[in-house]
Amino acid sequence: MAQPEARRPPRWRGAGAFLRDHFRFITGLLLLVLMGTTLALGVQWLQDPYRYPLRVVKVASELRHLEKDDLRKTLAPYLQGGFFTVDVTGIHDAVEALPWVYRATVQRDWPDRLIVNIEEQEPVARWGEAGLLNRYGEIFIPRQLPDELALPRLSGPVGHEQVVLEQYHQCTQTLAPLGLRIARIDLNERRAWRIELDNAVRLELGRADTELRLRRFVRSFPQVFAGHLEALKSVDLRYSNGFSVYWQPVETGVGGGKGLPG
């Protein structure tokens, strides 16, 4: 009967043989470690603000409304690092948070400059007491309204800024042939419209068919209102087929009383 063959004891292989068998793997691992260490040291070297300091901040825009002192104070906390460590995203967000800034871009310019581009808000109307509207119907509230801004006054419920601005543009075009300008337009909580012209005449448009009603006023203007604007107080256009007119009291002279224009 055959005897089972005895197992051979494992042959011990030395460190030299292990290194020969795994030479490529060990070499690659050492190379990765070396590259990682070099990269870490390189990043640390570049992040040293004294090695590549940020020397110049250029605002590549002409500013009309944004105060330079406000911009300088906004930028100051972010300019402590060097060229590679300056917080570009933080600067961008802080600048765009300024009320007079509509859009901003920030970029590095080798070797020591930071360029800030600013697109200012373009106000087209006042909103309420302290706000302004840009051309997109977006509200922004500056710290102080410039005295020289001669803008129409718009108002309405929260969230209706764009609707009111669109109505202003439409009504402006409708009244343009008469040479009449809108000083104020209001949308109240009941969604009724009121226009005040720059001569203080009020036009009540109501809630529906506002364009149709305003065109009725324009068609009737030459026969009813031309030549009497100084005596006109308001026109109520909230009728289906006509309107009512309210005149200012007019002194007719000695022996006369208060009358209406003919």
C-alpha atoms as a PDB file:
ATOM      1  CA  MET A   1       0.000   0.000   0.000  1.00  0.00           C
ATOM      2  CA  ALA A   2       1.432   3.352  -1.129  1.00  0.00           C
ATOM      3  CA  GLN A   3       2.390   5.789   1.551  1.00  0.00           C
ATOM      4  CA  PRO A   4       1.225   9.458   1.220  1.00  0.00           C
ATOM      5  CA  GLU A   5       3.927  11.758   0.055  1.00  0.00           C
ATOM      6  CA  ALA A   6       5.288  13.929   2.868  1.00  0.00           C
ATOM      7  CA  ARG A   7       4.777  17.717   2.536  1.00  0.00           C
ATOM      8  CA  ARG A   8       7.860  19.724   1.909  1.00  0.00           C
ATOM      9  CA  PRO A   9       8.581  22.454   4.417  1.00  0.00           C
ATOM     10  CA  PRO A  10       8.176  25.985   2.948  1.00  0.00           C
ATOM     11  CA  ARG A  11      11.344  27.428   1.661  1.00  0.00           C
ATOM     12  CA  TRP A  12      12.307  30.664   3.317  1.00  0.00           C
ATOM     13  CA  ARG A  13      12.907  33.506   0.895  1.00  0.00           C
ATOM     14  CA  GLY A  14      15.054  36.394   1.949  1.00  0.00           C
ATOM     15  CA  ALA A  15      14.405  40.157   1.819  1.00  0.00           C
ATOM     16  CA  GLY A  16      16.370  40.410  -1.388  1.00  0.00           C
ATOM     17  CA  ALA A  17      14.017  38.053  -3.174  1.00  0.00           C
ATOM     18  CA  PHE A  18      10.980  39.987  -1.878  1.00  0.00           C
ATOM     19  CA  LEU A  19      12.424  43.250  -3.130  1.00  0.00           C
ATOM     20  CA  ARG A  20      13.149  41.697  -6.524  1.00  0.00           C
ATOM     21  CA  ASP A  21       9.585  40.410  -6.828  1.00  0.00           C
ATOM     22  CA  HIS A  22       7.962  43.701  -5.756  1.00  0.00           C
ATOM     23  CA  PHE A  23      10.486  46.172  -7.108  1.00  0.00           C
ATOM     24  CA  ARG A  24       8.095  48.028  -9.391  1.00  0.00           C
ATOM     25  CA  PHE A  25       5.407  48.314  -6.732  1.00  0.00           C
ATOM     26  CA  ILE A  26       7.820  49.604  -4.087  1.00  0.00           C
ATOM     27  CA  THR A  27       9.406  52.031  -6.534  1.00  0.00           C
ATOM     28  CA  GLY A  28       6.016  53.385  -7.563  1.00  0.00           C
ATOM     29  CA  LEU A  29       4.943  53.753  -3.935  1.00  0.00           C
ATOM     30  CA  LEU A  30       8.112  55.642  -3.031  1.00  0.00           C
ATOM     31  CA  LEU A  31       7.654  57.863  -6.075  1.00  0.00           C
ATOM     32  CA  LEU A  32       4.084  58.689  -5.031  1.00  0.00           C
ATOM     33  CA  VAL A  33       5.222  59.535  -1.510  1.00  0.00           C
ATOM     34  CA  LEU A  34       7.975  61.740  -2.910  1.00  0.00           C
ATOM     35  CA  MET A  35       5.584  63.518  -5.271  1.00  0.00           C
ATOM     36  CA  GLY A  36       3.022  64.050  -2.496  1.00  0.00           C
ATOM     37  CA  THR A  37       5.637  65.474  -0.168  1.00  0.00           C
ATOM     38  CA  THR A  38       6.997  67.748  -2.906  1.00  0.00           C
ATOM     39  CA  LEU A  39       3.511  68.952  -3.750  1.00  0.00           C
ATOM     40  CA  ALA A  40       2.669  69.670  -0.114  1.00  0.00           C
ATOM     41  CA  LEU A  41       5.889  71.606   0.354  1.00  0.00           C
ATOM     42  CA  GLY A  42       5.265  73.471  -2.900  1.00  0.00           C
ATOM     43  CA  VAL A  43       1.746  74.478  -1.854  1.00  0.00           C
ATOM     44  CA  GLN A  44       3.033  75.602   1.535  1.00  0.00           C
ATOM     45  CA  TRP A  45       5.747  77.587  -0.183  1.00  0.00           C
ATOM     46  CA  LEU A  46       3.283  79.286  -2.550  1.00  0.00           C
ATOM     47  CA  GLN A  47       0.861  80.070   0.276  1.00  0.00           C
ATOM     48  CA  ASP A  48       3.429  82.133   2.096  1.00  0.00           C
ATOM     49  CA  PRO A  49       1.970  85.683   1.732  1.00  0.00           C
ATOM     50  CA  TYR A  50       5.416  87.197   2.115  1.00  0.00           C
ATOM     51  CA  ARG A  51       6.736  85.280  -0.883  1.00  0.00           C
ATOM     52  CA  TYR A  52       4.068  86.455  -3.371  1.00  0.00           C
ATOM     53  CA  PRO A  53       2.345  89.443  -1.738  1.00  0.00           C
ATOM     54  CA  LEU A  54      -0.689  91.083  -3.269  1.00  0.00           C
ATOM     55  CA  ARG A  55       0.416  94.619  -4.059  1.00  0.00           C
ATOM     56  CA  VAL A  56      -2.265  96.149  -6.311  1.00  0.00           C
ATOM     57  CA  VAL A  57      -6.063  96.058  -6.283  1.00  0.00           C
ATOM     58  CA  LYS A  58      -7.454  97.582  -9.483  1.00  0.00           C
ATOM     59  CA  VAL A  59     -11.124  98.512  -9.869  1.00  0.00           C
ATOM     60  CA  ALA A  60     -11.578  98.324 -13.638  1.00  0.00           C
ATOM     61  CA  SER A  61     -14.890 100.184 -13.686  1.00  0.00           C
ATOM     62  CA  GLU A  62     -16.089 103.757 -13.590  1.00  0.00           C
ATOM     63  CA  LEU A  63     -18.172 104.207 -10.451  1.00  0.00           C
ATOM     64  CA  ARG A  64     -21.015 106.730 -10.473  1.00  0.00           C
ATOM     65  CA  HIS A  65     -23.002 105.785  -7.379  1.00  0.00           C
ATOM     66  CA  LEU A  66     -20.891 103.374  -5.336  1.00  0.00           C
ATOM     67  CA  GLU A  67     -18.747 105.214  -2.816  1.00  0.00           C
ATOM     68  CA  LYS A  68     -15.060 104.323  -3.041  1.00  0.00           C
ATOM     69  CA  ASP A  69     -14.751 104.355   0.754  1.00  0.00           C
ATOM     70  CA  ASP A  70     -17.511 101.741   1.030  1.00  0.00           C
ATOM     71  CA  LEU A  71     -15.741  99.568  -1.527  1.00  0.00           C
ATOM     72  CA  ARG A  72     -12.385  99.993   0.224  1.00  0.00           C
ATOM     73  CA  LYS A  73     -13.856  98.977   3.585  1.00  0.00           C
ATOM     74  CA  THR A  74     -15.505  95.954   1.983  1.00  0.00           C
ATOM     75  CA  LEU A  75     -12.272  94.751   0.381  1.00  0.00           C
ATOM     76  CA  ALA A  76      -9.934  95.395   3.329  1.00  0.00           C
ATOM     77  CA  PRO A  77     -10.661  92.235   5.402  1.00  0.00           C
ATOM     78  CA  TYR A  78      -9.949  89.978   2.402  1.00  0.00           C
ATOM     79  CA  LEU A  79      -6.585  91.400   1.325  1.00  0.00           C
ATOM     80  CA  GLN A  80      -4.393  89.976   4.073  1.00  0.00           C
ATOM     81  CA  GLY A  81      -3.218  86.936   2.107  1.00  0.00           C
ATOM     82  CA  GLY A  82      -0.830  86.636  -0.802  1.00  0.00           C
ATOM     83  CA  PHE A  83      -1.464  86.268  -4.520  1.00  0.00           C
ATOM     84  CA  PHE A  84      -2.378  82.577  -4.260  1.00  0.00           C
ATOM     85  CA  THR A  85      -4.233  82.692  -0.950  1.00  0.00           C
ATOM     86  CA  VAL A  86      -6.468  85.756  -1.404  1.00  0.00           C
ATOM     87  CA  ASP A  87     -10.131  84.758  -1.000  1.00  0.00           C
ATOM     88  CA  VAL A  88     -11.461  85.578  -4.472  1.00  0.00           C
ATOM     89  CA  THR A  89     -14.871  84.030  -3.794  1.00  0.00           C
ATOM     90  CA  GLY A  90     -15.246  85.914  -0.523  1.00  0.00           C
ATOM     91  CA  ILE A  91     -14.377  89.205  -2.221  1.00  0.00           C
ATOM     92  CA  HIS A  92     -16.849  88.527  -5.020  1.00  0.00           C
ATOM     93  CA  ASP A  93     -19.706  87.777  -2.613  1.00  0.00           C
ATOM     94  CA  ALA A  94     -18.926  90.755  -0.377  1.00  0.00           C
ATOM     95  CA  VAL A  95     -18.777  93.208  -3.303  1.00  0.00           C
ATOM     96  CA  GLU A  96     -22.011  91.920  -4.849  1.00  0.00           C
ATOM     97  CA  ALA A  97     -23.725  92.347  -1.475  1.00  0.00           C
ATOM     98  CA  LEU A  98     -23.242  96.129  -1.715  1.00  0.00           C
ATOM     99  CA  PRO A  99     -26.573  97.783  -2.647  1.00  0.00           C
ATOM    100  CA  TRP A 100     -25.216  99.728  -5.632  1.00  0.00           C
ATOM    101  CA  VAL A 101     -23.547  96.644  -7.174  1.00  0.00           C
ATOM    102  CA  TYR A 102     -25.546  94.613  -9.673  1.00  0.00           C
ATOM    103  CA  ARG A 103     -22.766  92.235 -10.736  1.00  0.00           C
ATOM    104  CA  ALA A 104     -19.067  91.823  -9.914  1.00  0.00           C
ATOM    105  CA  THR A 105     -16.158  89.755 -11.187  1.00  0.00           C
ATOM    106  CA  VAL A 106     -12.851  89.255  -9.367  1.00  0.00           C
ATOM    107  CA  GLN A 107      -9.695  87.749 -10.859  1.00  0.00           C
ATOM    108  CA  ARG A 108      -5.997  87.475 -10.133  1.00  0.00           C
ATOM    109  CA  ASP A 109      -3.516  89.096 -12.506  1.00  0.00           C
ATOM    110  CA  TRP A 110       0.038  87.735 -12.244  1.00  0.00           C
ATOM    111  CA  PRO A 111       2.190  88.455 -10.430  1.00  0.00           C
ATOM    112  CA  ASP A 112       0.746  90.747  -7.745  1.00  0.00           C
ATOM    113  CA  ARG A 113      -2.569  92.288  -8.870  1.00  0.00           C
ATOM    114  CA  LEU A 114      -6.219  91.720  -8.176  1.00  0.00           C
ATOM    115  CA  ILE A 115      -8.707  93.084 -10.701  1.00  0.00           C
ATOM    116  CA  VAL A 116     -12.281  93.868  -9.612  1.00  0.00           C
ATOM    117  CA  ASN A 117     -14.898  94.599 -12.267  1.00  0.00           C
ATOM    118  CA  ILE A 118     -18.176  96.133 -11.089  1.00  0.00           C
ATOM    119  CA  GLU A 119     -21.432  96.611 -12.960  1.00  0.00           C
ATOM    120  CA  GLU A 120     -23.433  99.165 -11.024  1.00  0.00           C
ATOM    121  CA  GLN A 121     -27.171  99.147 -10.548  1.00  0.00           C
ATOM    122  CA  GLU A 122     -29.033 101.349 -13.030  1.00  0.00           C
ATOM    123  CA  PRO A 123     -31.979 102.900 -11.174  1.00  0.00           C
ATOM    124  CA  VAL A 124     -35.015 103.615 -13.347  1.00  0.00           C
ATOM    125  CA  ALA A 125     -37.550 104.441 -10.627  1.00  0.00           C
ATOM    126  CA  ARG A 126     -37.979 104.969  -6.917  1.00  0.00           C
ATOM    127  CA  TRP A 127     -39.837 102.315  -4.971  1.00  0.00           C
ATOM    128  CA  GLY A 128     -41.691 103.364  -1.853  1.00  0.00           C
ATOM    129  CA  GLU A 129     -39.836 105.697   0.454  1.00  0.00           C
ATOM    130  CA  ALA A 130     -36.311 104.276   0.494  1.00  0.00           C
ATOM    131  CA  GLY A 131     -35.983 101.781  -2.350  1.00  0.00           C
ATOM    132  CA  LEU A 132     -34.985 101.925  -6.008  1.00  0.00           C
ATOM    133  CA  LEU A 133     -35.823  99.686  -8.944  1.00  0.00           C
ATOM    134  CA  ASN A 134     -33.342  98.639 -11.600  1.00  0.00           C
ATOM    135  CA  ARG A 135     -34.340  98.040 -15.221  1.00  0.00           C
ATOM    136  CA  TYR A 136     -35.220  94.416 -14.447  1.00  0.00           C
ATOM    137  CA  GLY A 137     -37.783  95.411 -11.829  1.00  0.00           C
ATOM    138  CA  GLU A 138     -35.531  94.310  -8.963  1.00  0.00           C
ATOM    139  CA  ILE A 139     -35.567  96.376  -5.789  1.00  0.00           C
ATOM    140  CA  PHE A 140     -32.409  97.522  -4.014  1.00  0.00           C
ATOM    141  CA  ILE A 141     -32.124  99.822  -1.026  1.00  0.00           C
ATOM    142  CA  PRO A 142     -29.002 102.023  -0.854  1.00  0.00           C
ATOM    143  CA  ARG A 143     -27.867 103.541   2.390  1.00  0.00           C
ATOM    144  CA  GLN A 144     -28.748 107.000   1.108  1.00  0.00           C
ATOM    145  CA  LEU A 145     -30.656 108.107  -1.975  1.00  0.00           C
ATOM    146  CA  PRO A 146     -28.744 110.565  -4.178  1.00  0.00           C
ATOM    147  CA  ASP A 147     -30.371 113.979  -4.302  1.00  0.00           C
ATOM    148  CA  GLU A 148     -29.850 114.317  -8.043  1.00  0.00           C
ATOM    149  CA  LEU A 149     -31.951 111.273  -8.970  1.00  0.00           C
ATOM    150  CA  ALA A 150     -35.064 112.629 -10.710  1.00  0.00           C
ATOM    151  CA  LEU A 151     -37.001 109.397 -11.048  1.00  0.00           C
ATOM    152  CA  PRO A 152     -40.686 108.480 -11.116  1.00  0.00           C
ATOM    153  CA  ARG A 153     -42.103 107.105  -7.882  1.00  0.00           C
ATOM    154  CA  LEU A 154     -43.622 103.627  -8.034  1.00  0.00           C
ATOM    155  CA  SER A 155     -45.309 101.639  -5.297  1.00  0.00           C
ATOM    156  CA  GLY A 156     -47.251  98.442  -4.872  1.00  0.00           C
ATOM    157  CA  PRO A 157     -47.595  95.269  -2.824  1.00  0.00           C
ATOM    158  CA  VAL A 158     -44.466  93.247  -2.064  1.00  0.00           C
ATOM    159  CA  GLY A 159     -43.536  91.043  -5.000  1.00  0.00           C
ATOM    160  CA  HIS A 160     -45.231  93.252  -7.609  1.00  0.00           C
ATOM    161  CA  GLU A 161     -42.225  95.433  -8.421  1.00  0.00           C
ATOM    162  CA  GLN A 162     -41.796  94.110 -11.968  1.00  0.00           C
ATOM    163  CA  VAL A 163     -45.543  94.317 -12.674  1.00  0.00           C
ATOM    164  CA  VAL A 164     -45.652  97.974 -11.611  1.00  0.00           C
ATOM    165  CA  LEU A 165     -42.553  98.808 -13.654  1.00  0.00           C
ATOM    166  CA  GLU A 166     -44.030  97.190 -16.767  1.00  0.00           C
ATOM    167  CA  GLN A 167     -47.252  99.136 -16.247  1.00  0.00           C
ATOM    168  CA  TYR A 168     -45.251 102.346 -15.929  1.00  0.00           C
ATOM    169  CA  HIS A 169     -43.495 101.713 -19.262  1.00  0.00           C
ATOM    170  CA  GLN A 170     -46.762 100.876 -21.006  1.00  0.00           C
ATOM    171  CA  CYS A 171     -48.592 103.929 -19.667  1.00  0.00           C
ATOM    172  CA  THR A 172     -45.623 106.159 -20.537  1.00  0.00           C
ATOM    173  CA  GLN A 173     -45.829 105.056 -24.170  1.00  0.00           C
ATOM    174  CA  THR A 174     -49.601 105.611 -24.242  1.00  0.00           C
ATOM    175  CA  LEU A 175     -49.302 109.169 -22.897  1.00  0.00           C
ATOM    176  CA  ALA A 176     -46.242 110.111 -24.971  1.00  0.00           C
ATOM    177  CA  PRO A 177     -48.222 111.635 -27.915  1.00  0.00           C
ATOM    178  CA  LEU A 178     -49.737 114.166 -25.479  1.00  0.00           C
ATOM    179  CA  GLY A 179     -46.379 115.178 -24.013  1.00  0.00           C
ATOM    180  CA  LEU A 180     -47.586 114.129 -20.554  1.00  0.00           C
ATOM    181  CA  ARG A 181     -45.126 112.543 -18.144  1.00  0.00           C
ATOM    182  CA  ILE A 182     -45.843 110.231 -15.234  1.00  0.00           C
ATOM    183  CA  ALA A 183     -44.504 111.342 -11.856  1.00  0.00           C
ATOM    184  CA  ARG A 184     -46.036 108.515  -9.836  1.00  0.00           C
ATOM    185  CA  ILE A 185     -47.910 105.271 -10.352  1.00  0.00           C
ATOM    186  CA  ASP A 186     -49.412 103.214  -7.526  1.00  0.00           C
ATOM    187  CA  LEU A 187     -50.942  99.755  -7.288  1.00  0.00           C
ATOM    188  CA  ASN A 188     -52.934  99.456  -4.070  1.00  0.00           C
ATOM    189  CA  GLU A 189     -53.829  96.361  -2.072  1.00  0.00           C
ATOM    190  CA  ARG A 190     -57.055  95.960  -4.052  1.00  0.00           C
ATOM    191  CA  ARG A 191     -54.935  95.883  -7.243  1.00  0.00           C
ATOM    192  CA  ALA A 192     -56.333  99.188  -8.464  1.00  0.00           C
ATOM    193  CA  TRP A 193     -54.084 101.570 -10.417  1.00  0.00           C
ATOM    194  CA  ARG A 194     -53.596 105.305  -9.955  1.00  0.00           C
ATOM    195  CA  ILE A 195     -51.377 107.581 -12.025  1.00  0.00           C
ATOM    196  CA  GLU A 196     -50.142 111.013 -11.019  1.00  0.00           C
ATOM    197  CA  LEU A 197     -48.751 113.178 -13.800  1.00  0.00           C
ATOM    198  CA  ASP A 198     -45.895 115.611 -13.350  1.00  0.00           C
ATOM    199  CA  ASN A 199     -48.450 118.469 -13.266  1.00  0.00           C
ATOM    200  CA  ALA A 200     -50.149 116.819 -10.227  1.00  0.00           C
ATOM    201  CA  VAL A 201     -53.182 115.600 -12.219  1.00  0.00           C
ATOM    202  CA  ARG A 202     -54.423 112.203 -11.010  1.00  0.00           C
ATOM    203  CA  LEU A 203     -55.812 109.498 -13.285  1.00  0.00           C
ATOM    204  CA  GLU A 204     -57.858 106.734 -11.632  1.00  0.00           C
ATOM    205  CA  LEU A 205     -57.612 103.586 -13.769  1.00  0.00           C
ATOM    206  CA  GLY A 206     -59.110 100.982 -11.454  1.00  0.00           C
ATOM    207  CA  ARG A 207     -58.403  97.251 -11.648  1.00  0.00           C
ATOM    208  CA  ALA A 208     -59.462  96.177 -15.146  1.00  0.00           C
ATOM    209  CA  ASP A 209     -58.979  97.354 -18.739  1.00  0.00           C
ATOM    210  CA  THR A 210     -56.405  99.912 -17.654  1.00  0.00           C
ATOM    211  CA  GLU A 211     -54.860 100.253 -21.116  1.00  0.00           C
ATOM    212  CA  LEU A 212     -58.289 100.695 -22.751  1.00  0.00           C
ATOM    213  CA  ARG A 213     -59.268 103.339 -20.207  1.00  0.00           C
ATOM    214  CA  LEU A 214     -56.048 105.282 -20.613  1.00  0.00           C
ATOM    215  CA  ARG A 215     -56.427 105.277 -24.406  1.00  0.00           C
ATOM    216  CA  ARG A 216     -59.932 106.690 -23.957  1.00  0.00           C
ATOM    217  CA  PHE A 217     -58.376 109.569 -22.026  1.00  0.00           C
ATOM    218  CA  VAL A 218     -55.827 110.126 -24.804  1.00  0.00           C
ATOM    219  CA  ARG A 219     -58.510 110.185 -27.515  1.00  0.00           C
ATOM    220  CA  SER A 220     -60.626 112.658 -25.554  1.00  0.00           C
ATOM    221  CA  PHE A 221     -57.743 114.927 -24.587  1.00  0.00           C
ATOM    222  CA  PRO A 222     -57.840 117.384 -27.533  1.00  0.00           C
ATOM    223  CA  GLN A 223     -61.577 118.098 -27.138  1.00  0.00           C
ATOM    224  CA  VAL A 224     -61.911 118.005 -23.335  1.00  0.00           C
ATOM    225  CA  PHE A 225     -58.591 118.779 -21.646  1.00  0.00           C
ATOM    226  CA  ALA A 226     -56.285 120.626 -24.043  1.00  0.00           C
ATOM    227  CA  GLY A 227     -55.759 124.179 -22.840  1.00  0.00           C
ATOM    228  CA  HIS A 228     -57.256 123.471 -19.412  1.00  0.00           C
ATOM    229  CA  LEU A 229     -54.558 121.383 -17.764  1.00  0.00           C
ATOM    230  CA  GLU A 230     -53.807 124.074 -15.169  1.00  0.00           C
ATOM    231  CA  ALA A 231     -57.400 123.745 -13.925  1.00  0.00           C
ATOM    232  CA  LEU A 232     -57.616 119.949 -14.107  1.00  0.00           C
ATOM    233  CA  LYS A 233     -57.455 118.089 -10.798  1.00  0.00           C
ATOM    234  CA  SER A 234     -58.252 114.454 -11.569  1.00  0.00           C
ATOM    235  CA  VAL A 235     -59.976 112.167 -14.031  1.00  0.00           C
ATOM    236  CA  ASP A 236     -61.841 109.048 -12.956  1.00  0.00           C
ATOM    237  CA  LEU A 237     -61.646 106.574 -15.816  1.00  0.00           C
ATOM    238  CA  ARG A 238     -63.324 103.694 -13.989  1.00  0.00           C
ATOM    239  CA  TYR A 239     -66.396 103.702 -16.203  1.00  0.00           C
ATOM    240  CA  SER A 240     -67.351 101.371 -19.020  1.00  0.00           C
ATOM    241  CA  ASN A 241     -68.135 104.097 -21.579  1.00  0.00           C
ATOM    242  CA  GLY A 242     -66.810 107.374 -20.212  1.00  0.00           C
ATOM    243  CA  PHE A 243     -65.125 109.196 -17.352  1.00  0.00           C
ATOM    244  CA  SER A 244     -65.727 111.877 -14.774  1.00  0.00           C
ATOM    245  CA  VAL A 245     -63.608 115.026 -14.529  1.00  0.00           C
ATOM    246  CA  TYR A 246     -62.737 117.008 -11.402  1.00  0.00           C
ATOM    247  CA  TRP A 247     -61.557 120.581 -11.903  1.00  0.00           C
ATOM    248  CA  GLN A 248     -59.602 122.868  -9.645  1.00  0.00           C
ATOM    249  CA  PRO A 249     -61.584 125.853  -8.285  1.00  0.00           C
ATOM    250  CA  VAL A 250     -60.680 128.833 -10.473  1.00  0.00           C
ATOM    251  CA  GLU A 251     -61.092 132.470  -9.466  1.00  0.00           C
ATOM    252  CA  THR A 252     -62.970 134.337 -12.215  1.00  0.00           C
ATOM    253  CA  GLY A 253     -62.105 137.850 -11.004  1.00  0.00           C
ATOM    254  CA  VAL A 254     -64.014 140.673  -9.297  1.00  0.00           C
ATOM    255  CA  GLY A 255     -67.715 140.057  -9.089  1.00  0.00           C
ATOM    256  CA  GLY A 256     -67.194 136.458 -10.186  1.00  0.00           C
ATOM    257  CA  GLY A 257     -66.997 133.269  -8.271  1.00  0.00           C
ATOM    258  CA  LYS A 258     -65.442 129.870  -8.733  1.00  0.00           C
ATOM    259  CA  GLY A 259     -66.138 128.456 -12.118  1.00  0.00           C
ATOM    260  CA  LEU A 260     -65.174 125.687 -14.469  1.00  0.00           C
ATOM    261  CA  PRO A 261     -63.284 125.927 -17.711  1.00  0.00           C
ATOM    262  CA  GLY A 262     -65.453 126.144 -20.758  1.00  0.00           C
END
